[in-house]
Amino acid sequence: MNSVISFIIVLGLLIFVHEFGHFLFAKLFGVRVLKFSLGFGPKVYGRKYGDTEYLLSAFPLGGYVKMTGENKDDEVSFTEQPYSFAHKPVWKRFFIVLAGPAFNLFFAVAVFFTIFAIAGLPVPKAGTEIGAITENSPAQAAGIKAGDIIISINGEKTEGWEDVSRLIRESNGKPVALVISREGKEITTTGQPERQDVKNIFGEVVDERFMLGISRSSEVTYEKASIPEAFVAGVNQTWTFIYLTIMGVVKIIERVVPASELGGPILIAQMAGQQMEAGWINLAYFIGLLSVNLGILNLFPIPVLDGGHLVLYTLEAIRRKPLEQRTQEKLQQVGILLLGSLMIFVFYNDIVRIFTKG
């Protein structure tokens, strides 16, 4: 139940931000908005204010803004044409469509800025506490455990994790003598470093070095930040997630990351529930990450997505006329087929993941 509630809150918020971007720029450019809906399908609740009917619909996996004259073949009276989307200059239509994904990215900046302004900037925990031990590693063979604190290596005092990494790397595979602290007691042990592959976040081998099979504690502390520092950190964090989102798609296409890693609504719901239980900072980070994902993926040049529409408007601006209606319809059909296939695939992954873990 907690996952369902978290899923509704997170997805509803991100959809609202996305559609509000379209809505706001449509209003800014004088386009009449007929409907603003969170969700698809049958109306659950609706109320009309001015020209716009605001709706909650049955299926929460999306939302939409319906505008007067969204398509050229819509019948729009002469008196309604000044308020018609299709009758606006191509650059205005471009920005109305772009506003949805852009608002998701701006929202991510706002989320991370809020985290850093309130909680402070995250800094890795100082010291040399071991966070995890790799199975069947030299460290495990040497009796080292997670939670141990490394005091020295080969007689050299270790002040921080950088010292630990350097001394093990520079051992050139020779045994290293470690003095560790465990529950207030000092223990001396010897580990035999092994040459191991160093992998990046996508699982690609980027280097190899001598290692014991230990990793630092994942705990972080938060240092107070000024408003400008929090804002810059929020922009940097958003940019990092933008880069990782794009590269993640590239690596899936290159088959570096298996397609089985893709997740759908079920995985999002499970993760949202976990993050909510972990605290507001974790949940906020998750919302920021999802907002970046939603913004970037919507910009992909796939028909029916915002990015596909932006490509069509760009071509229209270059050609000085839109593509033929039949061509646009064919592209829309291809886009629907692609998205439908992807939705089925991620649902399949989610179900397999549940039963595999079970």
Protein backbone atom coordinates (compact mmCIF):
# COMPACT_ATOMS: atom_id res chain seq x y z
CA MET A 1 0.00 0.00 0.00
CA ASN A 2 2.87 2.34 0.83
CA SER A 3 4.29 1.74 -2.67
CA VAL A 4 0.96 2.54 -4.31
CA ILE A 5 0.56 5.79 -2.37
CA SER A 6 4.15 6.80 -3.10
CA PHE A 7 3.71 5.95 -6.78
CA ILE A 8 0.59 8.11 -7.06
CA ILE A 9 2.23 11.03 -5.27
CA VAL A 10 5.48 10.90 -7.27
CA LEU A 11 4.01 10.25 -10.70
CA GLY A 12 1.12 12.66 -10.16
CA LEU A 13 3.53 15.43 -9.19
CA LEU A 14 5.82 14.89 -12.18
CA ILE A 15 2.92 14.68 -14.63
CA PHE A 16 1.46 17.86 -13.20
CA VAL A 17 4.79 19.69 -13.65
CA HIS A 18 5.12 18.43 -17.23
CA GLU A 19 1.60 19.31 -18.30
CA PHE A 20 1.72 22.62 -16.45
CA GLY A 21 4.65 23.60 -18.69
CA HIS A 22 2.51 22.99 -21.80
CA PHE A 23 -0.46 24.72 -20.16
CA LEU A 24 1.44 27.82 -19.06
CA PHE A 25 3.08 28.46 -22.42
CA ALA A 26 -0.19 27.81 -24.26
CA LYS A 27 -1.81 30.48 -22.12
CA LEU A 28 1.19 32.76 -22.59
CA PHE A 29 0.86 32.55 -26.37
CA GLY A 30 -2.90 33.01 -26.37
CA VAL A 31 -3.94 29.41 -27.10
CA ARG A 32 -7.25 28.34 -25.58
CA VAL A 33 -6.79 25.31 -23.31
CA LEU A 34 -9.95 23.18 -23.22
CA LYS A 35 -8.81 20.42 -20.84
CA PHE A 36 -6.02 19.91 -18.32
CA SER A 37 -6.00 16.27 -17.22
CA LEU A 38 -3.91 14.23 -14.81
CA GLY A 39 -4.28 10.69 -16.12
CA PHE A 40 -5.96 9.21 -19.17
CA GLY A 41 -9.29 7.53 -19.77
CA PRO A 42 -12.65 8.07 -18.07
CA LYS A 43 -13.11 11.19 -15.98
CA VAL A 44 -13.02 10.60 -12.23
CA TYR A 45 -13.41 14.23 -11.22
CA GLY A 46 -13.64 17.46 -13.15
CA ARG A 47 -14.34 21.13 -12.64
CA LYS A 48 -14.36 23.97 -15.14
CA TYR A 49 -12.78 27.36 -14.54
CA GLY A 50 -12.98 29.83 -17.41
CA ASP A 51 -12.28 28.06 -20.71
CA THR A 52 -10.51 25.10 -19.12
CA GLU A 53 -11.89 21.92 -17.58
CA TYR A 54 -9.50 20.48 -14.98
CA LEU A 55 -9.71 16.69 -14.74
CA LEU A 56 -8.55 13.70 -12.75
CA SER A 57 -8.80 10.65 -15.02
CA ALA A 58 -8.86 6.94 -14.25
CA PHE A 59 -5.42 5.82 -15.47
CA PRO A 60 -2.56 7.72 -13.76
CA LEU A 61 0.19 6.76 -16.24
CA GLY A 62 0.27 10.15 -17.95
CA GLY A 63 -1.73 13.27 -18.58
CA TYR A 64 -2.59 15.72 -21.31
CA VAL A 65 -3.46 19.29 -22.19
CA LYS A 66 -6.14 19.62 -24.88
CA MET A 67 -6.01 22.87 -26.82
CA THR A 68 -8.24 24.43 -29.44
CA GLY A 69 -7.07 23.40 -32.91
CA GLU A 70 -4.31 21.03 -31.92
CA ASN A 71 -4.29 19.62 -35.45
CA LYS A 72 -4.60 21.29 -38.83
CA ASP A 73 -7.58 19.08 -39.72
CA ASP A 74 -9.54 20.21 -36.64
CA GLU A 75 -12.49 22.36 -37.58
CA VAL A 76 -11.85 25.80 -36.13
CA SER A 77 -14.18 28.68 -36.87
CA PHE A 78 -12.76 31.96 -38.12
CA THR A 79 -13.49 33.64 -34.78
CA GLU A 80 -11.63 30.86 -32.88
CA GLN A 81 -8.51 30.87 -35.08
CA PRO A 82 -6.69 33.52 -32.95
CA TYR A 83 -6.91 31.03 -30.04
CA SER A 84 -6.03 27.93 -32.08
CA PHE A 85 -2.75 26.05 -31.51
CA ALA A 86 -2.49 25.00 -35.16
CA HIS A 87 -2.89 28.59 -36.34
CA LYS A 88 -0.04 29.91 -34.22
CA PRO A 89 3.41 30.52 -35.77
CA VAL A 90 5.62 27.44 -35.75
CA TRP A 91 8.03 28.96 -33.19
CA LYS A 92 5.20 29.40 -30.68
CA ARG A 93 4.04 25.81 -31.18
CA PHE A 94 7.65 24.70 -30.74
CA PHE A 95 7.98 26.41 -27.36
CA ILE A 96 4.57 25.22 -26.14
CA VAL A 97 5.66 21.63 -26.77
CA LEU A 98 9.21 22.17 -25.46
CA ALA A 99 7.86 23.66 -22.21
CA GLY A 100 6.72 20.26 -20.86
CA PRO A 101 10.13 18.53 -20.82
CA ALA A 102 11.85 21.82 -19.92
CA PHE A 103 9.65 22.22 -16.83
CA ASN A 104 10.62 18.70 -15.71
CA LEU A 105 14.31 19.67 -15.91
CA PHE A 106 13.73 23.00 -14.13
CA PHE A 107 11.72 21.16 -11.49
CA ALA A 108 14.64 18.77 -10.91
CA VAL A 109 16.92 21.77 -10.31
CA ALA A 110 14.36 23.15 -7.84
CA VAL A 111 14.12 19.80 -6.01
CA PHE A 112 17.89 19.41 -5.63
CA PHE A 113 18.28 23.08 -4.70
CA THR A 114 15.69 22.60 -1.93
CA ILE A 115 17.50 19.51 -0.61
CA PHE A 116 20.87 21.25 -0.51
CA ALA A 117 19.47 24.51 0.90
CA ILE A 118 17.71 22.71 3.76
CA ALA A 119 19.89 19.68 4.48
CA GLY A 120 23.23 20.94 3.15
CA LEU A 121 25.65 19.52 0.60
CA PRO A 122 26.32 15.76 0.85
CA VAL A 123 29.94 14.90 1.66
CA PRO A 124 31.31 11.32 1.90
CA LYS A 125 31.86 10.26 5.48
CA ALA A 126 35.41 11.07 6.56
CA GLY A 127 37.74 8.36 7.76
CA THR A 128 38.58 4.85 6.65
CA GLU A 129 35.55 2.82 7.70
CA ILE A 130 34.88 -0.15 5.42
CA GLY A 131 31.38 -0.20 4.01
CA ALA A 132 31.33 -3.55 2.21
CA ILE A 133 33.44 -6.62 1.48
CA THR A 134 33.36 -8.37 -1.90
CA GLU A 135 32.52 -12.08 -1.76
CA ASN A 136 35.53 -14.42 -2.17
CA SER A 137 37.92 -11.45 -2.10
CA PRO A 138 41.39 -11.15 -0.51
CA ALA A 139 39.83 -9.00 2.20
CA GLN A 140 37.36 -11.73 3.09
CA ALA A 141 40.18 -14.28 3.17
CA ALA A 142 42.09 -11.97 5.54
CA GLY A 143 39.14 -11.85 7.92
CA ILE A 144 38.33 -8.18 7.30
CA LYS A 145 34.69 -7.23 7.91
CA ALA A 146 32.35 -4.41 7.00
CA GLY A 147 32.47 -1.76 9.72
CA ASP A 148 36.20 -2.22 10.37
CA ILE A 149 38.28 0.97 10.43
CA ILE A 150 41.70 0.84 8.76
CA ILE A 151 44.31 2.47 10.99
CA SER A 152 47.42 1.79 8.92
CA ILE A 153 48.78 -0.15 5.94
CA ASN A 154 52.38 -1.37 5.92
CA GLY A 155 53.05 0.88 8.90
CA GLU A 156 51.80 4.04 7.18
CA LYS A 157 48.89 5.74 8.94
CA THR A 158 45.74 6.09 6.85
CA GLU A 159 43.90 9.39 7.38
CA GLY A 160 41.28 8.94 4.66
CA TRP A 161 40.06 6.53 2.02
CA GLU A 162 42.40 8.07 -0.56
CA ASP A 163 45.33 6.79 1.52
CA VAL A 164 43.81 3.31 1.61
CA SER A 165 43.30 3.18 -2.18
CA ARG A 166 46.79 4.53 -2.90
CA LEU A 167 48.66 2.16 -0.60
CA ILE A 168 46.85 -0.93 -1.87
CA ARG A 169 47.25 0.18 -5.49
CA GLU A 170 50.97 0.82 -5.02
CA SER A 171 51.54 -2.60 -3.42
CA ASN A 172 52.01 -4.11 -6.93
CA GLY A 173 50.43 -7.31 -5.68
CA LYS A 174 52.71 -7.80 -2.68
CA PRO A 175 51.07 -8.70 0.66
CA VAL A 176 50.04 -5.71 2.77
CA ALA A 177 49.96 -5.58 6.55
CA LEU A 178 46.83 -3.89 7.88
CA VAL A 179 46.04 -2.66 11.36
CA ILE A 180 42.30 -2.30 11.79
CA SER A 181 40.02 -1.22 14.59
CA ARG A 182 37.00 -3.42 15.35
CA GLU A 183 34.71 -2.65 18.28
CA GLY A 184 37.49 -0.68 19.99
CA LYS A 185 40.14 -3.38 19.57
CA GLU A 186 43.12 -3.23 17.24
CA ILE A 187 43.63 -6.24 14.98
CA THR A 188 46.58 -6.95 12.69
CA THR A 189 46.08 -8.95 9.52
CA THR A 190 47.69 -9.46 6.12
CA GLY A 191 45.94 -9.21 2.77
CA GLN A 192 47.13 -10.27 -0.70
CA PRO A 193 45.92 -7.67 -3.25
CA GLU A 194 44.74 -9.04 -6.60
CA ARG A 195 44.67 -7.33 -9.98
CA GLN A 196 41.01 -6.63 -10.71
CA ASP A 197 38.98 -4.81 -13.32
CA VAL A 198 37.71 -1.35 -12.45
CA LYS A 199 34.25 -0.78 -13.90
CA ASN A 200 32.24 2.38 -14.40
CA ILE A 201 28.59 2.87 -13.50
CA PHE A 202 27.53 1.07 -16.70
CA GLY A 203 29.64 -2.01 -15.99
CA GLU A 204 32.32 -1.21 -18.58
CA VAL A 205 35.94 -1.99 -17.70
CA VAL A 206 37.83 1.31 -17.63
CA ASP A 207 41.00 0.28 -15.79
CA GLU A 208 42.60 -2.45 -13.75
CA ARG A 209 44.49 -2.18 -10.51
CA PHE A 210 45.47 -4.12 -7.40
CA MET A 211 42.61 -4.29 -4.89
CA LEU A 212 41.61 -6.14 -1.75
CA GLY A 213 37.87 -6.16 -2.43
CA ILE A 214 36.84 -3.50 0.07
CA SER A 215 34.79 -0.36 -0.44
CA ARG A 216 34.31 2.74 1.65
CA SER A 217 31.24 3.40 3.75
CA SER A 218 28.39 4.84 1.70
CA GLU A 219 27.31 7.09 4.56
CA VAL A 220 27.39 10.82 3.91
CA THR A 221 27.31 13.89 6.09
CA TYR A 222 25.70 17.17 5.15
CA GLU A 223 27.58 20.46 5.28
CA LYS A 224 25.65 23.71 5.49
CA ALA A 225 25.51 25.56 2.16
CA SER A 226 24.68 29.12 1.16
CA ILE A 227 21.79 29.77 -1.22
CA PRO A 228 24.09 30.34 -4.23
CA GLU A 229 26.08 27.18 -3.39
CA ALA A 230 22.86 25.16 -3.09
CA PHE A 231 21.63 26.48 -6.44
CA VAL A 232 24.90 25.68 -8.23
CA ALA A 233 24.90 22.20 -6.67
CA GLY A 234 21.29 21.71 -7.79
CA VAL A 235 22.18 22.62 -11.38
CA ASN A 236 25.25 20.35 -11.30
CA GLN A 237 23.26 17.43 -9.88
CA THR A 238 20.59 17.86 -12.57
CA TRP A 239 23.24 18.00 -15.29
CA THR A 240 24.85 14.81 -13.93
CA PHE A 241 21.53 12.96 -14.11
CA ILE A 242 20.88 14.35 -17.62
CA TYR A 243 24.23 12.96 -18.75
CA LEU A 244 23.66 9.58 -17.07
CA THR A 245 20.15 9.31 -18.54
CA ILE A 246 21.38 9.95 -22.08
CA MET A 247 24.39 7.67 -21.68
CA GLY A 248 22.19 4.98 -20.14
CA VAL A 249 20.06 4.91 -23.30
CA VAL A 250 23.21 4.88 -25.46
CA LYS A 251 24.64 1.96 -23.48
CA ILE A 252 21.38 0.00 -23.82
CA ILE A 253 21.50 0.54 -27.59
CA GLU A 254 25.16 -0.56 -27.58
CA ARG A 255 24.11 -3.59 -25.47
CA VAL A 256 26.55 -2.64 -22.73
CA VAL A 257 23.62 -2.43 -20.30
CA PRO A 258 21.15 -5.32 -20.73
CA ALA A 259 17.62 -4.36 -21.77
CA SER A 260 16.38 -6.43 -18.83
CA GLU A 261 17.48 -3.55 -16.59
CA LEU A 262 14.65 -1.40 -17.96
CA GLY A 263 11.79 -0.95 -15.52
CA GLY A 264 8.22 0.23 -15.74
CA PRO A 265 5.47 1.45 -13.42
CA ILE A 266 5.73 -1.53 -11.05
CA LEU A 267 9.45 -0.94 -10.47
CA ILE A 268 8.87 2.80 -10.04
CA ALA A 269 6.16 2.09 -7.45
CA GLN A 270 8.43 -0.29 -5.52
CA MET A 271 11.33 2.17 -5.54
CA ALA A 272 9.09 5.09 -4.56
CA GLY A 273 7.87 3.12 -1.55
CA GLN A 274 11.41 2.24 -0.52
CA GLN A 275 12.59 5.83 -0.85
CA MET A 276 9.64 7.13 1.18
CA GLU A 277 10.50 4.72 3.98
CA ALA A 278 14.16 5.83 3.81
CA GLY A 279 13.25 9.47 4.50
CA TRP A 280 12.33 12.68 2.74
CA ILE A 281 15.83 13.31 1.33
CA ASN A 282 15.89 9.93 -0.43
CA LEU A 283 12.37 10.43 -1.76
CA ALA A 284 13.22 13.94 -2.99
CA TYR A 285 16.35 12.65 -4.76
CA PHE A 286 14.24 9.97 -6.40
CA ILE A 287 11.67 12.54 -7.56
CA GLY A 288 14.45 14.72 -8.99
CA LEU A 289 15.96 11.76 -10.84
CA LEU A 290 12.60 10.70 -12.27
CA SER A 291 11.86 14.27 -13.32
CA VAL A 292 15.12 14.36 -15.30
CA ASN A 293 14.30 10.99 -16.86
CA LEU A 294 10.82 12.14 -17.84
CA GLY A 295 12.14 15.37 -19.33
CA ILE A 296 14.97 13.80 -21.33
CA LEU A 297 13.02 10.78 -22.59
CA ASN A 298 10.21 13.05 -23.77
CA LEU A 299 12.76 14.94 -25.88
CA PHE A 300 13.74 11.83 -27.83
CA PRO A 301 12.77 12.24 -31.52
CA ILE A 302 10.06 9.58 -31.47
CA PRO A 303 6.71 10.42 -33.05
CA VAL A 304 3.92 11.05 -30.47
CA LEU A 305 6.54 12.17 -27.91
CA ASP A 306 7.30 15.86 -27.47
CA GLY A 307 10.67 15.34 -29.14
CA GLY A 308 8.98 13.93 -32.23
CA HIS A 309 6.74 16.98 -32.49
CA LEU A 310 9.74 19.27 -32.09
CA VAL A 311 11.45 17.55 -35.03
CA LEU A 312 8.34 18.06 -37.17
CA TYR A 313 8.16 21.76 -36.24
CA THR A 314 11.86 22.16 -37.01
CA LEU A 315 11.33 20.60 -40.45
CA GLU A 316 8.30 22.84 -40.97
CA ALA A 317 10.39 25.91 -40.16
CA ILE A 318 13.13 24.81 -42.59
CA ARG A 319 10.73 23.81 -45.41
CA ARG A 320 8.42 26.78 -44.78
CA LYS A 321 5.53 24.33 -44.77
CA PRO A 322 4.52 21.30 -42.67
CA LEU A 323 4.95 17.70 -43.77
CA GLU A 324 2.01 16.21 -45.61
CA GLN A 325 -0.77 15.07 -43.29
CA ARG A 326 -0.52 11.47 -44.52
CA THR A 327 3.20 11.39 -43.69
CA GLN A 328 2.55 12.76 -40.22
CA GLU A 329 -0.15 10.15 -39.62
CA LYS A 330 2.22 7.34 -40.65
CA LEU A 331 4.88 8.67 -38.29
CA GLN A 332 2.35 8.86 -35.46
CA GLN A 333 1.42 5.21 -36.05
CA VAL A 334 5.07 4.18 -35.91
CA GLY A 335 5.50 6.14 -32.68
CA ILE A 336 2.46 4.52 -31.08
CA LEU A 337 3.75 1.08 -32.08
CA LEU A 338 7.18 1.79 -30.60
CA LEU A 339 5.80 3.14 -27.32
CA GLY A 340 3.27 0.33 -27.04
CA SER A 341 5.99 -2.27 -27.57
CA LEU A 342 8.22 -0.57 -25.00
CA MET A 343 5.41 -0.47 -22.44
CA ILE A 344 4.73 -4.18 -22.88
CA PHE A 345 8.45 -4.93 -22.58
CA VAL A 346 8.98 -2.98 -19.34
CA PHE A 347 5.84 -4.52 -17.81
CA TYR A 348 7.27 -7.93 -18.72
CA ASN A 349 10.59 -6.99 -17.07
CA ASP A 350 8.77 -5.84 -13.94
CA ILE A 351 6.80 -9.09 -13.66
CA VAL A 352 9.87 -11.27 -14.30
CA ARG A 353 11.78 -9.25 -11.68
CA ILE A 354 9.04 -9.87 -9.10
CA PHE A 355 8.89 -13.61 -9.68
CA THR A 356 12.68 -13.97 -9.90
CA LYS A 357 13.14 -12.23 -6.55
CA GLY A 358 10.28 -14.19 -5.11
